N, C-alpha and C. Protein backbone atom coordinates (compact mmCIF):
# COMPACT_ATOMS: atom_id res chain seq x y z
N MET A 1 20.77 -10.78 -13.11
CA MET A 1 20.61 -11.11 -11.71
C MET A 1 19.98 -12.49 -11.61
N THR A 2 20.43 -13.28 -10.66
CA THR A 2 19.87 -14.60 -10.41
C THR A 2 18.91 -14.51 -9.24
N GLN A 3 17.79 -15.16 -9.35
CA GLN A 3 16.79 -15.17 -8.28
C GLN A 3 16.67 -16.59 -7.76
N ILE A 4 16.67 -16.73 -6.42
CA ILE A 4 16.59 -18.03 -5.78
C ILE A 4 15.45 -18.02 -4.78
N THR A 5 14.63 -19.05 -4.79
CA THR A 5 13.55 -19.20 -3.83
C THR A 5 13.89 -20.34 -2.89
N LEU A 6 13.80 -20.09 -1.59
CA LEU A 6 14.11 -21.10 -0.59
C LEU A 6 12.94 -21.29 0.36
N ASN A 7 12.73 -22.52 0.79
CA ASN A 7 11.76 -22.81 1.85
C ASN A 7 12.58 -23.12 3.09
N ILE A 8 12.49 -22.24 4.10
CA ILE A 8 13.27 -22.36 5.32
C ILE A 8 12.34 -22.79 6.45
N PRO A 9 12.65 -23.87 7.16
CA PRO A 9 11.83 -24.27 8.30
C PRO A 9 11.81 -23.14 9.35
N ASP A 10 10.67 -22.94 9.98
CA ASP A 10 10.52 -21.85 10.95
C ASP A 10 11.60 -21.89 12.02
N ASN A 11 11.95 -23.07 12.48
CA ASN A 11 12.93 -23.16 13.56
C ASN A 11 14.35 -22.86 13.09
N GLU A 12 14.58 -22.75 11.79
CA GLU A 12 15.91 -22.45 11.24
C GLU A 12 16.00 -21.03 10.67
N LEU A 13 14.90 -20.29 10.73
CA LEU A 13 14.88 -18.97 10.10
C LEU A 13 15.90 -18.02 10.72
N GLY A 14 15.99 -17.98 12.04
CA GLY A 14 16.96 -17.09 12.69
C GLY A 14 18.38 -17.39 12.25
N PHE A 15 18.74 -18.66 12.22
CA PHE A 15 20.07 -19.06 11.78
C PHE A 15 20.31 -18.63 10.34
N PHE A 16 19.32 -18.87 9.48
CA PHE A 16 19.45 -18.52 8.07
C PHE A 16 19.64 -17.02 7.88
N LEU A 17 18.86 -16.22 8.60
CA LEU A 17 18.97 -14.77 8.46
C LEU A 17 20.34 -14.28 8.92
N LYS A 18 20.86 -14.85 10.00
CA LYS A 18 22.20 -14.47 10.44
C LYS A 18 23.24 -14.87 9.40
N LEU A 19 23.07 -16.00 8.78
CA LEU A 19 24.00 -16.49 7.77
C LEU A 19 24.06 -15.56 6.56
N ILE A 20 22.92 -15.11 6.08
CA ILE A 20 22.90 -14.29 4.87
C ILE A 20 23.00 -12.80 5.17
N GLU A 21 23.10 -12.43 6.45
CA GLU A 21 23.20 -11.02 6.82
C GLU A 21 24.39 -10.35 6.13
N LYS A 22 25.41 -11.11 5.81
CA LYS A 22 26.62 -10.56 5.20
C LYS A 22 26.44 -10.28 3.71
N PHE A 23 25.39 -10.80 3.10
CA PHE A 23 25.16 -10.63 1.68
C PHE A 23 24.17 -9.50 1.43
N ASN A 24 24.29 -8.89 0.29
CA ASN A 24 23.35 -7.85 -0.11
C ASN A 24 22.17 -8.53 -0.79
N TYR A 25 21.04 -8.57 -0.14
CA TYR A 25 19.88 -9.22 -0.73
C TYR A 25 18.64 -8.38 -0.47
N GLU A 26 17.65 -8.59 -1.25
CA GLU A 26 16.37 -7.89 -1.11
C GLU A 26 15.28 -8.94 -1.10
N PRO A 27 14.54 -9.05 0.02
CA PRO A 27 13.45 -10.04 0.03
C PRO A 27 12.38 -9.68 -1.00
N LEU A 28 11.81 -10.69 -1.60
CA LEU A 28 10.79 -10.50 -2.61
C LEU A 28 9.52 -11.23 -2.18
N ILE A 29 8.44 -10.48 -2.08
CA ILE A 29 7.16 -11.08 -1.73
C ILE A 29 6.28 -10.95 -2.96
N ASN A 30 5.97 -12.07 -3.57
CA ASN A 30 5.17 -12.00 -4.79
C ASN A 30 3.87 -12.79 -4.70
N ASP A 31 3.55 -13.27 -3.52
CA ASP A 31 2.30 -14.00 -3.32
C ASP A 31 1.55 -13.33 -2.16
N PHE A 32 1.09 -12.12 -2.41
CA PHE A 32 0.51 -11.32 -1.34
C PHE A 32 -0.80 -10.72 -1.84
N SER A 33 -1.84 -10.90 -1.06
CA SER A 33 -3.12 -10.29 -1.41
C SER A 33 -3.75 -9.72 -0.14
N VAL A 34 -4.57 -8.72 -0.33
CA VAL A 34 -5.23 -8.04 0.78
C VAL A 34 -6.74 -8.14 0.56
N ASN A 35 -7.44 -8.71 1.54
CA ASN A 35 -8.89 -8.80 1.40
C ASN A 35 -9.54 -7.48 1.84
N GLN A 36 -10.82 -7.34 1.65
CA GLN A 36 -11.52 -6.09 1.94
C GLN A 36 -11.45 -5.73 3.42
N GLU A 37 -11.53 -6.71 4.29
CA GLU A 37 -11.44 -6.45 5.74
C GLU A 37 -10.08 -5.83 6.09
N MET A 38 -9.02 -6.34 5.49
CA MET A 38 -7.69 -5.79 5.73
C MET A 38 -7.58 -4.37 5.17
N LYS A 39 -8.13 -4.15 3.99
CA LYS A 39 -8.11 -2.82 3.39
C LYS A 39 -8.85 -1.82 4.28
N ASP A 40 -10.00 -2.23 4.80
CA ASP A 40 -10.78 -1.35 5.67
C ASP A 40 -10.01 -1.01 6.94
N LEU A 41 -9.35 -2.01 7.51
CA LEU A 41 -8.56 -1.78 8.73
C LEU A 41 -7.40 -0.82 8.44
N LEU A 42 -6.72 -1.03 7.33
CA LEU A 42 -5.62 -0.13 6.97
C LEU A 42 -6.11 1.29 6.72
N ASP A 43 -7.24 1.42 6.04
CA ASP A 43 -7.82 2.75 5.82
C ASP A 43 -8.17 3.42 7.14
N GLU A 44 -8.75 2.66 8.06
CA GLU A 44 -9.12 3.21 9.36
C GLU A 44 -7.89 3.69 10.12
N ARG A 45 -6.84 2.88 10.11
CA ARG A 45 -5.59 3.26 10.80
C ARG A 45 -4.96 4.49 10.15
N ARG A 46 -4.97 4.52 8.82
CA ARG A 46 -4.38 5.66 8.12
C ARG A 46 -5.16 6.94 8.44
N ASN A 47 -6.47 6.84 8.49
CA ASN A 47 -7.30 8.01 8.75
C ASN A 47 -7.19 8.49 10.20
N SER A 48 -6.85 7.60 11.13
CA SER A 48 -6.76 8.00 12.53
C SER A 48 -5.32 8.29 12.97
N SER A 49 -4.38 8.25 12.02
CA SER A 49 -2.97 8.48 12.34
C SER A 49 -2.56 9.90 11.97
N GLU A 50 -1.51 10.35 12.62
CA GLU A 50 -0.93 11.66 12.31
C GLU A 50 0.20 11.46 11.31
N LYS A 51 0.23 12.28 10.28
CA LYS A 51 1.25 12.13 9.24
C LYS A 51 2.67 12.20 9.79
N GLU A 52 2.90 12.99 10.82
CA GLU A 52 4.26 13.10 11.37
C GLU A 52 4.70 11.82 12.08
N ASP A 53 3.76 10.90 12.34
CA ASP A 53 4.10 9.62 12.95
C ASP A 53 4.43 8.54 11.91
N TYR A 54 4.23 8.85 10.64
CA TYR A 54 4.51 7.87 9.59
C TYR A 54 6.02 7.61 9.49
N LEU A 55 6.38 6.39 9.13
CA LEU A 55 7.77 6.03 8.90
C LEU A 55 7.93 5.59 7.44
N ALA A 56 9.07 5.90 6.88
CA ALA A 56 9.36 5.48 5.51
C ALA A 56 9.54 3.96 5.49
N TRP A 57 9.08 3.32 4.43
CA TRP A 57 9.17 1.87 4.32
C TRP A 57 10.62 1.39 4.44
N GLU A 58 11.56 2.10 3.84
CA GLU A 58 12.97 1.70 3.93
C GLU A 58 13.44 1.68 5.38
N GLU A 59 13.00 2.64 6.19
CA GLU A 59 13.38 2.68 7.61
C GLU A 59 12.73 1.52 8.38
N VAL A 60 11.49 1.23 8.08
CA VAL A 60 10.81 0.11 8.74
C VAL A 60 11.51 -1.20 8.42
N LYS A 61 11.88 -1.41 7.15
CA LYS A 61 12.57 -2.64 6.76
C LYS A 61 13.87 -2.80 7.53
N LYS A 62 14.61 -1.71 7.73
CA LYS A 62 15.86 -1.78 8.49
C LYS A 62 15.60 -2.23 9.92
N GLN A 63 14.49 -1.76 10.50
CA GLN A 63 14.18 -2.07 11.89
C GLN A 63 13.73 -3.51 12.08
N ILE A 64 13.06 -4.10 11.09
CA ILE A 64 12.48 -5.43 11.28
C ILE A 64 13.22 -6.55 10.56
N ARG A 65 14.12 -6.22 9.67
CA ARG A 65 14.74 -7.21 8.80
C ARG A 65 15.35 -8.38 9.57
N PHE A 66 16.13 -8.14 10.62
CA PHE A 66 16.81 -9.21 11.33
C PHE A 66 16.37 -9.29 12.79
N SER A 67 15.10 -9.02 13.02
CA SER A 67 14.62 -9.04 14.40
C SER A 67 14.09 -10.40 14.83
N SER A 68 14.19 -11.43 13.99
CA SER A 68 13.68 -12.75 14.37
C SER A 68 14.59 -13.36 15.42
N LYS A 69 14.03 -14.29 16.19
CA LYS A 69 14.77 -14.93 17.30
C LYS A 69 15.77 -15.93 16.81
């Protein structure tokens, strides 16, 4: 498999996403870190949520993948 990294200007992101919508691709995020404040917030939300309201990550990705303007 070939991996390509692109820097897309914010104002061109919508166009780019529409262009590649026809291809089978999987976004890769490899520069991601969570600080303690974010962890605490996520823990708080998880503890105050109902399990039946949870969504599978694959379903969430489908809903947000091409929602940019």
